[in-house]
PDB file of N, CA and C in Angstrom:
ATOM      1  N   MET A   1     114.611  77.726 128.828  1.00  0.00           N
ATOM      2  CA  MET A   1     114.089  77.568 127.497  1.00  0.00           C
ATOM      3  C   MET A   1     112.980  76.525 127.535  1.00  0.00           C
ATOM      4  N   THR A   2     111.891  76.805 126.846  1.00  0.00           N
ATOM      5  CA  THR A   2     110.756  75.902 126.819  1.00  0.00           C
ATOM      6  C   THR A   2     110.824  75.026 125.577  1.00  0.00           C
ATOM      7  N   THR A   3     110.583  73.736 125.765  1.00  0.00           N
ATOM      8  CA  THR A   3     110.540  72.810 124.641  1.00  0.00           C
ATOM      9  C   THR A   3     109.089  72.617 124.241  1.00  0.00           C
ATOM     10  N   ARG A   4     108.836  72.675 122.967  1.00  0.00           N
ATOM     11  CA  ARG A   4     107.468  72.495 122.500  1.00  0.00           C
ATOM     12  C   ARG A   4     107.360  71.191 121.737  1.00  0.00           C
ATOM     13  N   ASP A   5     106.198  70.567 121.866  1.00  0.00           N
ATOM     14  CA  ASP A   5     105.951  69.338 121.129  1.00  0.00           C
ATOM     15  C   ASP A   5     105.717  69.683 119.662  1.00  0.00           C
ATOM     16  N   PRO A   6     106.183  68.819 118.759  1.00  0.00           N
ATOM     17  CA  PRO A   6     105.936  69.077 117.345  1.00  0.00           C
ATOM     18  C   PRO A   6     104.448  68.971 117.022  1.00  0.00           C
ATOM     19  N   LEU A   7     104.041  69.656 116.002  1.00  0.00           N
ATOM     20  CA  LEU A   7     102.640  69.622 115.593  1.00  0.00           C
ATOM     21  C   LEU A   7     102.408  68.476 114.617  1.00  0.00           C
ATOM     22  N   TYR A   8     101.273  67.816 114.790  1.00  0.00           N
ATOM     23  CA  TYR A   8     100.879  66.727 113.900  1.00  0.00           C
ATOM     24  C   TYR A   8      99.414  66.901 113.544  1.00  0.00           C
ATOM     25  N   GLY A   9      98.991  66.236 112.509  1.00  0.00           N
ATOM     26  CA  GLY A   9      97.580  66.167 112.170  1.00  0.00           C
ATOM     27  C   GLY A   9      96.975  67.513 111.831  1.00  0.00           C
ATOM     28  N   ALA A  10      95.782  67.747 112.383  1.00  0.00           N
ATOM     29  CA  ALA A  10      95.013  68.946 112.071  1.00  0.00           C
ATOM     30  C   ALA A  10      95.740  70.225 112.479  1.00  0.00           C
ATOM     31  N   ALA A  11      96.445  70.184 113.602  1.00  0.00           N
ATOM     32  CA  ALA A  11      97.173  71.383 114.054  1.00  0.00           C
ATOM     33  C   ALA A  11      98.284  71.735 113.064  1.00  0.00           C
ATOM     34  N   ALA A  12      99.010  70.743 112.583  1.00  0.00           N
ATOM     35  CA  ALA A  12     100.072  70.983 111.600  1.00  0.00           C
ATOM     36  C   ALA A  12      99.479  71.487 110.293  1.00  0.00           C
ATOM     37  N   ASP A  13      98.350  70.896 109.885  1.00  0.00           N
ATOM     38  CA  ASP A  13      97.681  71.334 108.654  1.00  0.00           C
ATOM     39  C   ASP A  13      97.232  72.788 108.764  1.00  0.00           C
ATOM     40  N   ALA A  14      96.724  73.175 109.917  1.00  0.00           N
ATOM     41  CA  ALA A  14      96.250  74.548 110.114  1.00  0.00           C
ATOM     42  C   ALA A  14      97.403  75.540 110.004  1.00  0.00           C
ATOM     43  N   VAL A  15      98.555  75.212 110.596  1.00  0.00           N
ATOM     44  CA  VAL A  15      99.720  76.096 110.522  1.00  0.00           C
ATOM     45  C   VAL A  15     100.215  76.176 109.079  1.00  0.00           C
ATOM     46  N   ARG A  16     100.294  75.029 108.405  1.00  0.00           N
ATOM     47  CA  ARG A  16     100.735  75.006 107.001  1.00  0.00           C
ATOM     48  C   ARG A  16      99.812  75.861 106.134  1.00  0.00           C
ATOM     49  N   ASP A  17      98.499  75.729 106.323  1.00  0.00           N
ATOM     50  CA  ASP A  17      97.548  76.510 105.533  1.00  0.00           C
ATOM     51  C   ASP A  17      97.675  77.996 105.821  1.00  0.00           C
ATOM     52  N   GLN A  18      97.913  78.333 107.080  1.00  0.00           N
ATOM     53  CA  GLN A  18      98.073  79.739 107.451  1.00  0.00           C
ATOM     54  C   GLN A  18      99.317  80.326 106.787  1.00  0.00           C
ATOM     55  N   LEU A  19     100.404  79.589 106.779  1.00  0.00           N
ATOM     56  CA  LEU A  19     101.626  80.067 106.127  1.00  0.00           C
ATOM     57  C   LEU A  19     101.434  80.157 104.620  1.00  0.00           C
ATOM     58  N   HIS A  20     100.761  79.183 104.042  1.00  0.00           N
ATOM     59  CA  HIS A  20     100.519  79.187 102.600  1.00  0.00           C
ATOM     60  C   HIS A  20      99.627  80.353 102.199  1.00  0.00           C
ATOM     61  N   ASP A  21      98.593  80.619 102.985  1.00  0.00           N
ATOM     62  CA  ASP A  21      97.653  81.694 102.670  1.00  0.00           C
ATOM     63  C   ASP A  21      98.259  83.078 102.852  1.00  0.00           C
ATOM     64  N   SER A  22      99.389  83.179 103.542  1.00  0.00           N
ATOM     65  CA  SER A  22      99.987  84.486 103.797  1.00  0.00           C
ATOM     66  C   SER A  22     100.890  84.933 102.649  1.00  0.00           C
ATOM     67  N   TYR A  23     101.031  84.120 101.616  1.00  0.00           N
ATOM     68  CA  TYR A  23     101.881  84.458 100.473  1.00  0.00           C
ATOM     69  C   TYR A  23     101.198  85.494  99.584  1.00  0.00           C
ATOM     70  N   HIS A  24     101.938  86.522  99.247  1.00  0.00           N
ATOM     71  CA  HIS A  24     101.490  87.524  98.289  1.00  0.00           C
ATOM     72  C   HIS A  24     102.677  87.843  97.390  1.00  0.00           C
ATOM     73  N   PRO A  25     102.473  87.839  96.071  1.00  0.00           N
ATOM     74  CA  PRO A  25     103.594  88.143  95.187  1.00  0.00           C
ATOM     75  C   PRO A  25     104.056  89.583  95.357  1.00  0.00           C
ATOM     76  N   LEU A  26     105.310  89.822  94.963  1.00  0.00           N
ATOM     77  CA  LEU A  26     105.879  91.160  95.057  1.00  0.00           C
ATOM     78  C   LEU A  26     105.078  92.157  94.236  1.00  0.00           C
ATOM     79  N   ARG A  27     104.583  91.714  93.088  1.00  0.00           N
ATOM     80  CA  ARG A  27     103.785  92.589  92.241  1.00  0.00           C
ATOM     81  C   ARG A  27     102.771  91.751  91.492  1.00  0.00           C
ATOM     82  N   ASP A  28     101.749  92.400  91.007  1.00  0.00           N
ATOM     83  CA  ASP A  28     100.730  91.758  90.200  1.00  0.00           C
ATOM     84  C   ASP A  28     101.286  91.598  88.786  1.00  0.00           C
ATOM     85  N   PRO A  29     101.384  90.371  88.267  1.00  0.00           N
ATOM     86  CA  PRO A  29     101.950  90.178  86.934  1.00  0.00           C
ATOM     87  C   PRO A  29     101.204  90.938  85.836  1.00  0.00           C
ATOM     88  N   ASP A  30      99.933  91.255  86.065  1.00  0.00           N
ATOM     89  CA  ASP A  30      99.160  91.992  85.064  1.00  0.00           C
ATOM     90  C   ASP A  30      99.398  93.496  85.125  1.00  0.00           C
ATOM     91  N   ASP A  31     100.072  93.965  86.163  1.00  0.00           N
ATOM     92  CA  ASP A  31     100.337  95.396  86.330  1.00  0.00           C
ATOM     93  C   ASP A  31     101.614  95.750  85.576  1.00  0.00           C
ATOM     94  N   THR A  32     101.464  96.294  84.381  1.00  0.00           N
ATOM     95  CA  THR A  32     102.623  96.590  83.540  1.00  0.00           C
ATOM     96  C   THR A  32     102.830  98.079  83.340  1.00  0.00           C
ATOM     97  N   GLN A  33     102.099  98.896  84.050  1.00  0.00           N
ATOM     98  CA  GLN A  33     102.187 100.339  83.862  1.00  0.00           C
ATOM     99  C   GLN A  33     103.424 100.908  84.556  1.00  0.00           C
ATOM    100  N   VAL A  34     104.383 101.345  83.765  1.00  0.00           N
ATOM    101  CA  VAL A  34     105.592 101.984  84.269  1.00  0.00           C
ATOM    102  C   VAL A  34     105.791 103.254  83.470  1.00  0.00           C
ATOM    103  N   CYS A  35     106.017 104.351  84.150  1.00  0.00           N
ATOM    104  CA  CYS A  35     106.246 105.639  83.481  1.00  0.00           C
ATOM    105  C   CYS A  35     107.696 106.053  83.738  1.00  0.00           C
ATOM    106  N   PRO A  36     108.609 105.614  82.873  1.00  0.00           N
ATOM    107  CA  PRO A  36     110.023 105.884  83.123  1.00  0.00           C
ATOM    108  C   PRO A  36     110.431 107.303  82.753  1.00  0.00           C
ATOM    109  N   GLY A  37     111.531 107.727  83.342  1.00  0.00           N
ATOM    110  CA  GLY A  37     112.170 108.969  82.948  1.00  0.00           C
ATOM    111  C   GLY A  37     113.198 108.651  81.877  1.00  0.00           C
ATOM    112  N   SER A  38     114.181 109.500  81.747  1.00  0.00           N
ATOM    113  CA  SER A  38     115.262 109.249  80.791  1.00  0.00           C
ATOM    114  C   SER A  38     116.135 108.104  81.307  1.00  0.00           C
ATOM    115  N   VAL A  39     116.892 107.496  80.406  1.00  0.00           N
ATOM    116  CA  VAL A  39     117.795 106.419  80.817  1.00  0.00           C
ATOM    117  C   VAL A  39     118.805 106.951  81.831  1.00  0.00           C
ATOM    118  N   ALA A  40     119.364 108.121  81.567  1.00  0.00           N
ATOM    119  CA  ALA A  40     120.349 108.696  82.493  1.00  0.00           C
ATOM    120  C   ALA A  40     119.722 108.959  83.863  1.00  0.00           C
ATOM    121  N   GLY A  41     118.516 109.478  83.863  1.00  0.00           N
ATOM    122  CA  GLY A  41     117.829 109.751  85.129  1.00  0.00           C
ATOM    123  C   GLY A  41     117.506 108.479  85.893  1.00  0.00           C
ATOM    124  N   GLU A  42     116.981 107.481  85.183  1.00  0.00           N
ATOM    125  CA  GLU A  42     116.643 106.202  85.824  1.00  0.00           C
ATOM    126  C   GLU A  42     117.897 105.502  86.341  1.00  0.00           C
ATOM    127  N   LEU A  43     118.975 105.582  85.582  1.00  0.00           N
ATOM    128  CA  LEU A  43     120.237 104.976  86.018  1.00  0.00           C
ATOM    129  C   LEU A  43     120.756 105.657  87.281  1.00  0.00           C
ATOM    130  N   GLY A  44     120.664 106.980  87.333  1.00  0.00           N
ATOM    131  CA  GLY A  44     121.102 107.714  88.524  1.00  0.00           C
ATOM    132  C   GLY A  44     120.306 107.326  89.761  1.00  0.00           C
ATOM    133  N   VAL A  45     118.983 107.199  89.608  1.00  0.00           N
ATOM    134  CA  VAL A  45     118.135 106.808  90.742  1.00  0.00           C
ATOM    135  C   VAL A  45     118.442 105.373  91.157  1.00  0.00           C
ATOM    136  N   ALA A  46     118.651 104.490  90.178  1.00  0.00           N
ATOM    137  CA  ALA A  46     118.974 103.088  90.486  1.00  0.00           C
ATOM    138  C   ALA A  46     120.298 102.977  91.237  1.00  0.00           C
ATOM    139  N   LEU A  47     121.288 103.732  90.800  1.00  0.00           N
ATOM    140  CA  LEU A  47     122.594 103.700  91.489  1.00  0.00           C
ATOM    141  C   LEU A  47     122.479 104.234  92.917  1.00  0.00           C
ATOM    142  N   ALA A  48     121.696 105.277  93.103  1.00  0.00           N
ATOM    143  CA  ALA A  48     121.490 105.809  94.457  1.00  0.00           C
ATOM    144  C   ALA A  48     120.802 104.775  95.344  1.00  0.00           C
ATOM    145  N   LEU A  49     119.820 104.065  94.786  1.00  0.00           N
ATOM    146  CA  LEU A  49     119.124 103.044  95.567  1.00  0.00           C
ATOM    147  C   LEU A  49     120.059 101.884  95.906  1.00  0.00           C
ATOM    148  N   LEU A  50     120.910 101.492  94.963  1.00  0.00           N
ATOM    149  CA  LEU A  50     121.886 100.432  95.255  1.00  0.00           C
ATOM    150  C   LEU A  50     122.781 100.806  96.429  1.00  0.00           C
ATOM    151  N   THR A  51     123.215 102.052  96.461  1.00  0.00           N
ATOM    152  CA  THR A  51     124.046 102.523  97.569  1.00  0.00           C
ATOM    153  C   THR A  51     123.265 102.475  98.879  1.00  0.00           C
ATOM    154  N   GLU A  52     122.011 102.875  98.822  1.00  0.00           N
ATOM    155  CA  GLU A  52     121.171 102.895 100.029  1.00  0.00           C
ATOM    156  C   GLU A  52     120.918 101.487 100.561  1.00  0.00           C
ATOM    157  N   VAL A  53     120.545 100.551  99.683  1.00  0.00           N
ATOM    158  CA  VAL A  53     120.196  99.218 100.174  1.00  0.00           C
ATOM    159  C   VAL A  53     121.428  98.388 100.546  1.00  0.00           C
ATOM    160  N   ALA A  54     122.589  98.791 100.072  1.00  0.00           N
ATOM    161  CA  ALA A  54     123.813  98.067 100.439  1.00  0.00           C
ATOM    162  C   ALA A  54     124.060  98.127 101.947  1.00  0.00           C
ATOM    163  N   ALA A  55     123.554  99.147 102.589  1.00  0.00           N
ATOM    164  CA  ALA A  55     123.749  99.304 104.029  1.00  0.00           C
ATOM    165  C   ALA A  55     122.625  98.665 104.851  1.00  0.00           C
ATOM    166  N   ALA A  56     121.637  98.059 104.179  1.00  0.00           N
ATOM    167  CA  ALA A  56     120.505  97.462 104.898  1.00  0.00           C
ATOM    168  C   ALA A  56     120.956  96.240 105.696  1.00  0.00           C
ATOM    169  N   ASN A  57     120.319  96.025 106.826  1.00  0.00           N
ATOM    170  CA  ASN A  57     120.623  94.907 107.711  1.00  0.00           C
ATOM    171  C   ASN A  57     120.020  93.628 107.142  1.00  0.00           C
ATOM    172  N   ILE A  58     120.855  92.689 106.761  1.00  0.00           N
ATOM    173  CA  ILE A  58     120.402  91.427 106.167  1.00  0.00           C
ATOM    174  C   ILE A  58     119.513  90.636 107.123  1.00  0.00           C
ATOM    175  N   HIS A  59     119.614  90.891 108.411  1.00  0.00           N
ATOM    176  CA  HIS A  59     118.821  90.182 109.412  1.00  0.00           C
ATOM    177  C   HIS A  59     117.505  90.880 109.730  1.00  0.00           C
ATOM    178  N   ASP A  60     117.256  92.007 109.092  1.00  0.00           N
ATOM    179  CA  ASP A  60     116.014  92.768 109.310  1.00  0.00           C
ATOM    180  C   ASP A  60     115.061  92.466 108.158  1.00  0.00           C
ATOM    181  N   HIS A  61     114.051  91.650 108.445  1.00  0.00           N
ATOM    182  CA  HIS A  61     113.107  91.223 107.406  1.00  0.00           C
ATOM    183  C   HIS A  61     112.463  92.416 106.705  1.00  0.00           C
ATOM    184  N   ASN A  62     112.017  93.385 107.460  1.00  0.00           N
ATOM    185  CA  ASN A  62     111.358  94.550 106.859  1.00  0.00           C
ATOM    186  C   ASN A  62     112.310  95.328 105.953  1.00  0.00           C
ATOM    187  N   ALA A  63     113.557  95.457 106.358  1.00  0.00           N
ATOM    188  CA  ALA A  63     114.541  96.157 105.531  1.00  0.00           C
ATOM    189  C   ALA A  63     114.777  95.396 104.228  1.00  0.00           C
ATOM    190  N   MET A  64     114.802  94.078 104.294  1.00  0.00           N
ATOM    191  CA  MET A  64     115.007  93.280 103.088  1.00  0.00           C
ATOM    192  C   MET A  64     113.806  93.358 102.152  1.00  0.00           C
ATOM    193  N   VAL A  65     112.601  93.385 102.706  1.00  0.00           N
ATOM    194  CA  VAL A  65     111.402  93.530 101.870  1.00  0.00           C
ATOM    195  C   VAL A  65     111.411  94.894 101.191  1.00  0.00           C
ATOM    196  N   ARG A  66     111.730  95.947 101.954  1.00  0.00           N
ATOM    197  CA  ARG A  66     111.792  97.284 101.353  1.00  0.00           C
ATOM    198  C   ARG A  66     112.851  97.343 100.257  1.00  0.00           C
ATOM    199  N   ALA A  67     113.985  96.714 100.482  1.00  0.00           N
ATOM    200  CA  ALA A  67     115.059  96.693  99.476  1.00  0.00           C
ATOM    201  C   ALA A  67     114.597  95.951  98.226  1.00  0.00           C
ATOM    202  N   ALA A  68     113.969  94.804  98.404  1.00  0.00           N
ATOM    203  CA  ALA A  68     113.508  94.012  97.254  1.00  0.00           C
ATOM    204  C   ALA A  68     112.477  94.773  96.431  1.00  0.00           C
ATOM    205  N   VAL A  69     111.529  95.387  97.105  1.00  0.00           N
ATOM    206  CA  VAL A  69     110.496  96.142  96.394  1.00  0.00           C
ATOM    207  C   VAL A  69     111.104  97.349  95.680  1.00  0.00           C
ATOM    208  N   GLY A  70     111.967  98.061  96.354  1.00  0.00           N
ATOM    209  CA  GLY A  70     112.601  99.228  95.746  1.00  0.00           C
ATOM    210  C   GLY A  70     113.451  98.864  94.544  1.00  0.00           C
ATOM    211  N   LEU A  71     114.243  97.794  94.666  1.00  0.00           N
ATOM    212  CA  LEU A  71     115.099  97.367  93.562  1.00  0.00           C
ATOM    213  C   LEU A  71     114.268  96.853  92.388  1.00  0.00           C
ATOM    214  N   GLU A  72     113.204  96.125  92.676  1.00  0.00           N
ATOM    215  CA  GLU A  72     112.333  95.625  91.611  1.00  0.00           C
ATOM    216  C   GLU A  72     111.709  96.788  90.847  1.00  0.00           C
ATOM    217  N   HIS A  73     111.235  97.776  91.572  1.00  0.00           N
ATOM    218  CA  HIS A  73     110.623  98.952  90.934  1.00  0.00           C
ATOM    219  C   HIS A  73     111.649  99.713  90.094  1.00  0.00           C
ATOM    220  N   ARG A  74     112.823  99.928  90.640  1.00  0.00           N
ATOM    221  CA  ARG A  74     113.858 100.670  89.908  1.00  0.00           C
ATOM    222  C   ARG A  74     114.305  99.918  88.665  1.00  0.00           C
ATOM    223  N   LEU A  75     114.449  98.597  88.765  1.00  0.00           N
ATOM    224  CA  LEU A  75     114.870  97.810  87.612  1.00  0.00           C
ATOM    225  C   LEU A  75     113.820  97.861  86.510  1.00  0.00           C
ATOM    226  N   ARG A  76     112.554  97.743  86.879  1.00  0.00           N
ATOM    227  CA  ARG A  76     111.484  97.848  85.879  1.00  0.00           C
ATOM    228  C   ARG A  76     111.495  99.219  85.207  1.00  0.00           C
ATOM    229  N   SER A  77     111.700 100.271  85.979  1.00  0.00           N
ATOM    230  CA  SER A  77     111.745 101.624  85.413  1.00  0.00           C
ATOM    231  C   SER A  77     112.939 101.791  84.484  1.00  0.00           C
ATOM    232  N   LEU A  78     114.083 101.251  84.877  1.00  0.00           N
ATOM    233  CA  LEU A  78     115.279 101.350  84.043  1.00  0.00           C
ATOM    234  C   LEU A  78     115.087 100.589  82.731  1.00  0.00           C
ATOM    235  N   VAL A  79     114.555  99.379  82.805  1.00  0.00           N
ATOM    236  CA  VAL A  79     114.295  98.601  81.588  1.00  0.00           C
ATOM    237  C   VAL A  79     113.290  99.330  80.698  1.00  0.00           C
ATOM    238  N   ALA A  80     112.240  99.884  81.284  1.00  0.00           N
ATOM    239  CA  ALA A  80     111.244 100.618  80.497  1.00  0.00           C
ATOM    240  C   ALA A  80     111.867 101.836  79.827  1.00  0.00           C
ATOM    241  N   ALA A  81     112.766 102.527  80.514  1.00  0.00           N
ATOM    242  CA  ALA A  81     113.432 103.697  79.928  1.00  0.00           C
ATOM    243  C   ALA A  81     114.303 103.276  78.741  1.00  0.00           C
ATOM    244  N   ILE A  82     115.024 102.172  78.889  1.00  0.00           N
ATOM    245  CA  ILE A  82     115.861 101.676  77.786  1.00  0.00           C
ATOM    246  C   ILE A  82     114.992 101.269  76.599  1.00  0.00           C
ATOM    247  N   GLU A  83     113.899 100.544  76.871  1.00  0.00           N
ATOM    248  CA  GLU A  83     112.995 100.145  75.793  1.00  0.00           C
ATOM    249  C   GLU A  83     112.383 101.364  75.101  1.00  0.00           C
ATOM    250  N   THR A  84     112.015 102.363  75.875  1.00  0.00           N
ATOM    251  CA  THR A  84     111.438 103.578  75.300  1.00  0.00           C
ATOM    252  C   THR A  84     112.458 104.270  74.412  1.00  0.00           C
ATOM    253  N   GLU A  85     113.691 104.351  74.878  1.00  0.00           N
ATOM    254  CA  GLU A  85     114.753 104.989  74.087  1.00  0.00           C
ATOM    255  C   GLU A  85     114.995 104.236  72.772  1.00  0.00           C
ATOM    256  N   ARG A  86     114.862 102.928  72.807  1.00  0.00           N
ATOM    257  CA  ARG A  86     115.072 102.103  71.610  1.00  0.00           C
ATOM    258  C   ARG A  86     113.830 102.060  70.719  1.00  0.00           C
ATOM    259  N   GLY A  87     112.710 102.586  71.226  1.00  0.00           N
ATOM    260  CA  GLY A  87     111.463 102.527  70.462  1.00  0.00           C
ATOM    261  C   GLY A  87     110.739 101.217  70.597  1.00  0.00           C
ATOM    262  N   GLU A  88     111.088 100.448  71.599  1.00  0.00           N
ATOM    263  CA  GLU A  88     110.445  99.141  71.844  1.00  0.00           C
ATOM    264  C   GLU A  88     109.305  99.331  72.838  1.00  0.00           C
ATOM    265  N   HIS A  89     108.334  98.464  72.748  1.00  0.00           N
ATOM    266  CA  HIS A  89     107.209  98.501  73.692  1.00  0.00           C
ATOM    267  C   HIS A  89     106.892  97.086  74.099  1.00  0.00           C
ATOM    268  N   ARG A  90     106.504  96.920  75.359  1.00  0.00           N
ATOM    269  CA  ARG A  90     106.094  95.599  75.855  1.00  0.00           C
ATOM    270  C   ARG A  90     104.614  95.477  75.802  1.00  0.00           C
TER     271      ARG A  90
END
């Protein structure tokens, strides 16, 4: 196993800036366009996705990102379907 010296000064700043610059939000807060189906349909799709992501490997970063994005999308669609059924609009 190789031991590495800790980073200080400009090298540490460069790594910190690189990590900071790599951040991207899950979604654009201004993107509010959701075209939901019926509440029953959206609920069925959400339940199927919950079953699918329950088997995802918690140690697999890509699987967790896919699960987070899928669940976020399904939840937004389900909420939009409920609001549409109630006659509410965001």
